[in-house]
C-alpha atoms as a PDB file:
ATOM      1  CA  GLY A   1     112.190 111.759  87.700  1.00  0.00           C
ATOM      2  CA  LEU A   2     109.347 109.712  89.106  1.00  0.00           C
ATOM      3  CA  PRO A   3     109.448 106.929  86.451  1.00  0.00           C
ATOM      4  CA  GLY A   4     113.040 106.170  87.445  1.00  0.00           C
ATOM      5  CA  VAL A   5     112.123 105.190  91.011  1.00  0.00           C
ATOM      6  CA  LEU A   6     108.391 104.428  91.043  1.00  0.00           C
ATOM      7  CA  GLY A   7     106.365 101.805  89.207  1.00  0.00           C
ATOM      8  CA  GLY A   8     102.809 100.543  88.926  1.00  0.00           C
ATOM      9  CA  MET A   9     100.113 102.210  91.033  1.00  0.00           C
ATOM     10  CA  MET A  10     102.653 104.220  93.033  1.00  0.00           C
ATOM     11  CA  LEU A  11     103.849 105.910  89.832  1.00  0.00           C
ATOM     12  CA  GLU A  12     100.280 106.576  88.717  1.00  0.00           C
ATOM     13  CA  GLN A  13      99.318 108.124  92.082  1.00  0.00           C
ATOM     14  CA  TRP A  14     102.359 110.404  92.350  1.00  0.00           C
ATOM     15  CA  THR A  15     102.150 111.455  88.691  1.00  0.00           C
ATOM     16  CA  ALA A  16      98.498 112.453  89.207  1.00  0.00           C
ATOM     17  CA  ARG A  17      99.434 114.428  92.346  1.00  0.00           C
ATOM     18  CA  ALA A  18     102.250 116.232  90.539  1.00  0.00           C
ATOM     19  CA  GLU A  19     100.040 117.104  87.551  1.00  0.00           C
ATOM     20  CA  GLU A  20      97.259 118.411  89.810  1.00  0.00           C
ATOM     21  CA  SER A  21      99.600 120.614  91.821  1.00  0.00           C
ATOM     22  CA  LEU A  22     101.140 122.094  88.654  1.00  0.00           C
ATOM     23  CA  ARG A  23      97.655 122.852  87.282  1.00  0.00           C
ATOM     24  CA  ASN A  24      96.933 124.723  90.521  1.00  0.00           C
ATOM     25  CA  GLY A  25     100.236 126.636  90.464  1.00  0.00           C
ATOM     26  CA  TRP A  26     101.846 125.096  93.545  1.00  0.00           C
ATOM     27  CA  TYR A  27     104.208 122.261  94.369  1.00  0.00           C
ATOM     28  CA  TRP A  28     106.254 120.751  97.179  1.00  0.00           C
ATOM     29  CA  LYS A  29     110.042 120.574  97.046  1.00  0.00           C
ATOM     30  CA  TYR A  30     111.306 117.606  99.073  1.00  0.00           C
ATOM     31  CA  GLU A  31     114.821 116.979 100.300  1.00  0.00           C
ATOM     32  CA  LEU A  32     115.836 113.601 101.666  1.00  0.00           C
ATOM     33  CA  VAL A  33     118.081 114.349 104.647  1.00  0.00           C
ATOM     34  CA  SER A  34     118.814 110.742 105.600  1.00  0.00           C
ATOM     35  CA  VAL A  35     117.644 107.201 105.011  1.00  0.00           C
ATOM     36  CA  LYS A  36     118.460 104.047 106.965  1.00  0.00           C
ATOM     37  CA  VAL A  37     117.336 100.662 105.688  1.00  0.00           C
ATOM     38  CA  ASP A  38     116.037  98.749 108.710  1.00  0.00           C
ATOM     39  CA  SER A  39     115.131  95.485 106.967  1.00  0.00           C
ATOM     40  CA  VAL A  40     114.751  93.864 103.548  1.00  0.00           C
ATOM     41  CA  THR A  41     112.544  90.805 103.078  1.00  0.00           C
ATOM     42  CA  PRO A  42     112.739  89.308  99.577  1.00  0.00           C
ATOM     43  CA  SER A  43     109.818  87.392  98.081  1.00  0.00           C
ATOM     44  CA  ALA A  44     110.138  83.679  97.398  1.00  0.00           C
ATOM     45  CA  GLY A  45     110.522  84.322  93.657  1.00  0.00           C
ATOM     46  CA  GLY A  46     113.036  87.114  94.148  1.00  0.00           C
ATOM     47  CA  SER A  47     111.266  89.686  91.969  1.00  0.00           C
ATOM     48  CA  LYS A  48     109.747  91.602  94.911  1.00  0.00           C
ATOM     49  CA  ALA A  49     111.033  92.778  98.270  1.00  0.00           C
ATOM     50  CA  THR A  50     109.526  94.496 101.294  1.00  0.00           C
ATOM     51  CA  VAL A  51     111.806  97.215 102.622  1.00  0.00           C
ATOM     52  CA  GLU A  52     111.375  98.953 105.976  1.00  0.00           C
ATOM     53  CA  CYS A  53     113.370 102.115 106.475  1.00  0.00           C
ATOM     54  CA  THR A  54     113.720 105.210 108.613  1.00  0.00           C
ATOM     55  CA  LEU A  55     113.701 108.468 106.665  1.00  0.00           C
ATOM     56  CA  GLN A  56     114.238 112.097 107.511  1.00  0.00           C
ATOM     57  CA  GLU A  57     113.057 114.713 105.026  1.00  0.00           C
ATOM     58  CA  THR A  58     112.364 118.391 104.713  1.00  0.00           C
ATOM     59  CA  ALA A  59     109.740 119.909 102.458  1.00  0.00           C
ATOM     60  CA  GLN A  60     108.872 123.425 101.346  1.00  0.00           C
ATOM     61  CA  LEU A  61     105.637 124.457  99.643  1.00  0.00           C
ATOM     62  CA  TYR A  62     105.994 126.730  96.613  1.00  0.00           C
ATOM     63  CA  ASP A  63     103.047 128.759  95.359  1.00  0.00           C
ATOM     64  CA  GLY A  64     103.361 130.668  92.102  1.00  0.00           C
ATOM     65  CA  GLY A  65     107.056 129.750  92.036  1.00  0.00           C
ATOM     66  CA  GLN A  66     107.733 131.420  95.393  1.00  0.00           C
ATOM     67  CA  PRO A  67     108.297 129.677  98.745  1.00  0.00           C
ATOM     68  CA  ASP A  68     105.301 129.789 101.053  1.00  0.00           C
ATOM     69  CA  LEU A  69     107.082 130.636 104.292  1.00  0.00           C
ATOM     70  CA  ASN A  70     104.104 129.453 106.357  1.00  0.00           C
ATOM     71  CA  ASP A  71     104.107 125.899 105.004  1.00  0.00           C
ATOM     72  CA  SER A  72     107.201 123.754 105.387  1.00  0.00           C
ATOM     73  CA  TYR A  73     108.232 120.855 107.562  1.00  0.00           C
ATOM     74  CA  LYS A  74     111.018 118.579 108.702  1.00  0.00           C
ATOM     75  CA  ALA A  75     110.017 115.030 109.637  1.00  0.00           C
ATOM     76  CA  LYS A  76     111.556 111.731 110.665  1.00  0.00           C
ATOM     77  CA  TYR A  77     109.416 108.651 110.112  1.00  0.00           C
ATOM     78  CA  GLN A  78     109.432 104.953 109.313  1.00  0.00           C
ATOM     79  CA  ALA A  79     107.989 103.533 106.106  1.00  0.00           C
ATOM     80  CA  ARG A  80     107.397 100.164 104.496  1.00  0.00           C
ATOM     81  CA  TYR A  81     107.822  99.918 100.735  1.00  0.00           C
ATOM     82  CA  VAL A  82     107.214  97.104  98.305  1.00  0.00           C
ATOM     83  CA  MET A  83     109.828  97.124  95.580  1.00  0.00           C
ATOM     84  CA  GLU A  84     109.635  95.166  92.345  1.00  0.00           C
ATOM     85  CA  TRP A  85     112.288  94.260  89.790  1.00  0.00           C
ATOM     86  CA  PHE A  86     111.623  95.809  86.374  1.00  0.00           C
ATOM     87  CA  PRO A  87     113.720  93.769  83.933  1.00  0.00           C
ATOM     88  CA  GLU A  88     112.971  96.105  81.011  1.00  0.00           C
ATOM     89  CA  ASP A  89     114.560  98.981  82.967  1.00  0.00           C
ATOM     90  CA  VAL A  90     117.121  96.744  84.734  1.00  0.00           C
ATOM     91  CA  CYS A  91     116.277  98.255  88.132  1.00  0.00           C
ATOM     92  CA  TRP A  92     114.166  97.983  91.278  1.00  0.00           C
ATOM     93  CA  LYS A  93     111.249 100.403  91.678  1.00  0.00           C
ATOM     94  CA  ILE A  94     108.874 101.229  94.536  1.00  0.00           C
ATOM     95  CA  THR A  95     105.359 100.011  93.690  1.00  0.00           C
ATOM     96  CA  SER A  96     103.584 100.669  96.992  1.00  0.00           C
ATOM     97  CA  GLY A  97     104.322 102.150 100.366  1.00  0.00           C
ATOM     98  CA  VAL A  98     102.925 103.154 103.707  1.00  0.00           C
ATOM     99  CA  VAL A  99     104.142 105.330 106.564  1.00  0.00           C
ATOM    100  CA  LEU A 100     104.301 103.241 109.717  1.00  0.00           C
ATOM    101  CA  PRO A 101     102.823 104.389 113.035  1.00  0.00           C
ATOM    102  CA  ASN A 102     105.270 105.800 115.573  1.00  0.00           C
ATOM    103  CA  LYS A 103     106.639 103.185 117.954  1.00  0.00           C
END
């Protein structure tokens, strides 16, 4: 789930989005088609890293548990994520991110 890959404000934002959509009876189902890591820049202390990657995903909106055939997409985009080491979980987690403008 979300706590396994997200941390900090990113986890709070996506948890709030998920809870709101469930309250309203709809949700998005995402599928990661491909991911290519373009660069990794570690911080001086080694507990953070900036990762730029190219992703391709598909998404389908579900309303009332049924697919909304008018609202789905397939997209390829570049993103920049800040990842932090969480020693208590012994893993890296995404703590912030932004979709980059098309080049």
